[in-house]
C-alpha atoms as a PDB file:
ATOM      1  CA  MET A   1      81.304  78.274  87.861  1.00  0.00           C
ATOM      2  CA  LYS A   2      82.881  82.443  87.448  1.00  0.00           C
ATOM      3  CA  ALA A   3      80.392  83.868  89.591  1.00  0.00           C
ATOM      4  CA  ALA A   4      80.790  81.343  92.176  1.00  0.00           C
ATOM      5  CA  TYR A   5      84.882  82.331  92.363  1.00  0.00           C
ATOM      6  CA  PHE A   6      83.672  85.828  92.457  1.00  0.00           C
ATOM      7  CA  ASN A   7      81.792  85.452  95.305  1.00  0.00           C
ATOM      8  CA  SER A   8      84.226  83.016  97.321  1.00  0.00           C
ATOM      9  CA  ASN A   9      87.303  85.514  96.164  1.00  0.00           C
ATOM     10  CA  ARG A  10      85.012  88.548  97.857  1.00  0.00           C
ATOM     11  CA  ILE A  11      84.147  86.547 100.804  1.00  0.00           C
ATOM     12  CA  LYS A  12      87.904  86.135 101.173  1.00  0.00           C
ATOM     13  CA  ASN A  13      88.451  89.528 100.646  1.00  0.00           C
ATOM     14  CA  TYR A  14      85.621  91.019 103.283  1.00  0.00           C
ATOM     15  CA  TYR A  15      87.306  88.440 106.054  1.00  0.00           C
ATOM     16  CA  GLN A  16      90.679  89.705 105.928  1.00  0.00           C
ATOM     17  CA  VAL A  17      89.499  93.184 106.104  1.00  0.00           C
ATOM     18  CA  PHE A  18      86.964  92.727 109.068  1.00  0.00           C
ATOM     19  CA  HIS A  19      90.073  90.829 110.745  1.00  0.00           C
ATOM     20  CA  LEU A  20      92.642  94.041 110.262  1.00  0.00           C
ATOM     21  CA  LEU A  21      89.527  95.973 111.239  1.00  0.00           C
ATOM     22  CA  ASP A  22      89.582  93.932 114.789  1.00  0.00           C
ATOM     23  CA  LYS A  23      92.955  93.772 115.174  1.00  0.00           C
ATOM     24  CA  SER A  24      93.275  97.284 114.852  1.00  0.00           C
ATOM     25  CA  GLU A  25      90.493  98.480 116.910  1.00  0.00           C
ATOM     26  CA  LYS A  26      91.992  96.002 119.436  1.00  0.00           C
ATOM     27  CA  ILE A  27      95.709  97.352 119.645  1.00  0.00           C
ATOM     28  CA  ILE A  28      94.090 101.181 120.145  1.00  0.00           C
ATOM     29  CA  LEU A  29      92.219  99.811 123.134  1.00  0.00           C
ATOM     30  CA  GLU A  30      95.111  98.655 124.728  1.00  0.00           C
ATOM     31  CA  LEU A  31      96.839 101.660 123.844  1.00  0.00           C
ATOM     32  CA  ARG A  32      94.427 103.895 125.419  1.00  0.00           C
ATOM     33  CA  GLY A  33      94.119 101.815 128.488  1.00  0.00           C
ATOM     34  CA  GLU A  34      97.871 102.419 128.118  1.00  0.00           C
ATOM     35  CA  VAL A  35      97.469 106.156 127.870  1.00  0.00           C
ATOM     36  CA  GLU A  36      95.140 106.466 131.162  1.00  0.00           C
ATOM     37  CA  ARG A  37      97.712 104.276 133.110  1.00  0.00           C
ATOM     38  CA  LEU A  38     100.734 106.894 131.885  1.00  0.00           C
ATOM     39  CA  THR A  39      98.303 109.547 132.324  1.00  0.00           C
ATOM     40  CA  SER A  40      97.639 108.276 135.830  1.00  0.00           C
ATOM     41  CA  VAL A  41     101.103 107.958 136.628  1.00  0.00           C
ATOM     42  CA  ILE A  42     101.857 111.370 135.610  1.00  0.00           C
ATOM     43  CA  GLU A  43      99.226 113.027 137.617  1.00  0.00           C
ATOM     44  CA  SER A  44      99.533 111.172 140.539  1.00  0.00           C
ATOM     45  CA  ALA A  45     103.400 111.963 140.344  1.00  0.00           C
ATOM     46  CA  GLY A  46     102.741 115.850 139.567  1.00  0.00           C
ATOM     47  CA  ARG A  47     100.741 115.714 142.832  1.00  0.00           C
ATOM     48  CA  ALA A  48     103.603 114.723 145.213  1.00  0.00           C
ATOM     49  CA  ARG A  49     106.689 116.459 145.050  1.00  0.00           C
ATOM     50  CA  LEU A  50     109.271 115.212 142.952  1.00  0.00           C
ATOM     51  CA  PRO A  51     113.441 115.453 143.459  1.00  0.00           C
ATOM     52  CA  SER A  52     115.178 115.843 141.072  1.00  0.00           C
ATOM     53  CA  THR A  53     116.174 112.497 140.013  1.00  0.00           C
ATOM     54  CA  ASP A  54     112.322 111.382 139.299  1.00  0.00           C
ATOM     55  CA  SER A  55     112.028 114.528 137.275  1.00  0.00           C
ATOM     56  CA  LEU A  56     114.311 113.054 134.598  1.00  0.00           C
ATOM     57  CA  SER A  57     111.707 109.670 135.042  1.00  0.00           C
ATOM     58  CA  THR A  58     108.692 112.050 134.411  1.00  0.00           C
ATOM     59  CA  ASP A  59     110.241 113.937 131.684  1.00  0.00           C
ATOM     60  CA  HIS A  60     110.712 110.051 130.304  1.00  0.00           C
ATOM     61  CA  LEU A  61     106.945 109.087 131.097  1.00  0.00           C
ATOM     62  CA  ASN A  62     105.360 111.888 129.412  1.00  0.00           C
ATOM     63  CA  ALA A  63     107.398 111.761 126.466  1.00  0.00           C
ATOM     64  CA  THR A  64     106.212 107.911 126.621  1.00  0.00           C
ATOM     65  CA  LEU A  65     102.821 109.237 126.765  1.00  0.00           C
ATOM     66  CA  GLN A  66     103.230 111.378 123.924  1.00  0.00           C
ATOM     67  CA  ALA A  67     104.896 108.577 121.708  1.00  0.00           C
ATOM     68  CA  LEU A  68     101.527 106.522 122.969  1.00  0.00           C
ATOM     69  CA  ARG A  69      99.297 109.228 121.817  1.00  0.00           C
ATOM     70  CA  GLN A  70     100.553 109.655 118.342  1.00  0.00           C
ATOM     71  CA  HIS A  71     100.681 105.730 117.977  1.00  0.00           C
ATOM     72  CA  ASN A  72      97.045 105.537 118.507  1.00  0.00           C
ATOM     73  CA  LYS A  73      95.913 108.424 116.668  1.00  0.00           C
ATOM     74  CA  SER A  74      97.908 106.768 113.412  1.00  0.00           C
ATOM     75  CA  LEU A  75      95.666 103.668 114.139  1.00  0.00           C
ATOM     76  CA  GLU A  76      92.417 105.585 114.410  1.00  0.00           C
ATOM     77  CA  GLU A  77      93.296 106.973 110.921  1.00  0.00           C
ATOM     78  CA  GLN A  78      94.564 103.307 109.601  1.00  0.00           C
ATOM     79  CA  VAL A  79      91.121 101.686 111.125  1.00  0.00           C
ATOM     80  CA  GLU A  80      89.127 104.783 109.504  1.00  0.00           C
ATOM     81  CA  GLU A  81      90.966 104.491 106.132  1.00  0.00           C
ATOM     82  CA  LEU A  82      89.936 100.720 106.265  1.00  0.00           C
ATOM     83  CA  GLN A  83      86.257 101.270 107.311  1.00  0.00           C
ATOM     84  CA  ALA A  84      86.193 104.051 103.680  1.00  0.00           C
ATOM     85  CA  GLN A  85      88.229 100.764 101.939  1.00  0.00           C
ATOM     86  CA  LEU A  86      85.637  98.463 103.075  1.00  0.00           C
ATOM     87  CA  LEU A  87      82.277 100.935 102.257  1.00  0.00           C
ATOM     88  CA  THR A  88      84.195 101.524  99.190  1.00  0.00           C
ATOM     89  CA  ARG A  89      84.703  98.236  97.463  1.00  0.00           C
ATOM     90  CA  GLY A  90      81.039  97.445  99.008  1.00  0.00           C
ATOM     91  CA  VAL A  91      79.981  99.583  96.855  1.00  0.00           C
ATOM     92  CA  GLU A  92      81.478  99.307  94.223  1.00  0.00           C
ATOM     93  CA  GLU A  93      80.475  95.711  94.247  1.00  0.00           C
ATOM     94  CA  GLY A  94      77.138  96.092  95.118  1.00  0.00           C
ATOM     95  CA  ARG A  95      77.150  98.177  92.026  1.00  0.00           C
ATOM     96  CA  GLU A  96      78.418  95.690  89.492  1.00  0.00           C
ATOM     97  CA  LEU A  97      76.149  92.995  90.941  1.00  0.00           C
ATOM     98  CA  VAL A  98      73.226  95.564  90.087  1.00  0.00           C
ATOM     99  CA  THR A  99      74.584  96.312  86.584  1.00  0.00           C
ATOM    100  CA  ALA A 100      76.374  93.538  85.593  1.00  0.00           C
ATOM    101  CA  VAL A 101      75.515  92.364  82.101  1.00  0.00           C
ATOM    102  CA  SER A 102      78.359  89.730  81.411  1.00  0.00           C
ATOM    103  CA  GLY A 103      77.066  86.741  84.368  1.00  0.00           C
ATOM    104  CA  ASN A 104      78.296  88.782  87.271  1.00  0.00           C
ATOM    105  CA  SER A 105      75.015  89.416  88.510  1.00  0.00           C
ATOM    106  CA  LEU A 106      73.558  89.006  91.561  1.00  0.00           C
ATOM    107  CA  ALA A 107      70.796  86.885  89.884  1.00  0.00           C
ATOM    108  CA  ALA A 108      73.941  84.900  88.778  1.00  0.00           C
ATOM    109  CA  GLU A 109      75.771  84.470  91.224  1.00  0.00           C
ATOM    110  CA  PHE A 110      72.267  83.349  93.607  1.00  0.00           C
ATOM    111  CA  HIS A 111      72.388  80.477  90.538  1.00  0.00           C
ATOM    112  CA  ALA A 112      75.887  79.448  90.241  1.00  0.00           C
ATOM    113  CA  MET A 113      75.846  79.111  94.163  1.00  0.00           C
ATOM    114  CA  THR A 114      75.170  75.932  96.195  1.00  0.00           C
ATOM    115  CA  GLN A 115      73.064  74.523  98.735  1.00  0.00           C
ATOM    116  CA  GLU A 116      75.981  74.982 101.242  1.00  0.00           C
ATOM    117  CA  GLU A 117      76.730  78.267 100.410  1.00  0.00           C
END
């Protein structure tokens, strides 16, 4: 019974990590699109002659673009960190299953699983 709980808890943990990774990747894609849009706006504004009032707008767009790039970089680092944590957790649990002697071995988990699991 302990092995089934261990397996169920592990599945919930994996689901949570995958959900966070998926959500982070979606945010990164949205931010990349926004960065591309702002970059094209800035480039097109740079080609045209800007009156002095538009320079404030360009400065604001540049600041926004820089902030979005920094946020995007931060999210990419978070995704990499979560992927590393997931890999580490998987390796640790794999070692536990292979080397376990107290009934939490892979064979014990398979034996404890119901047909549906």
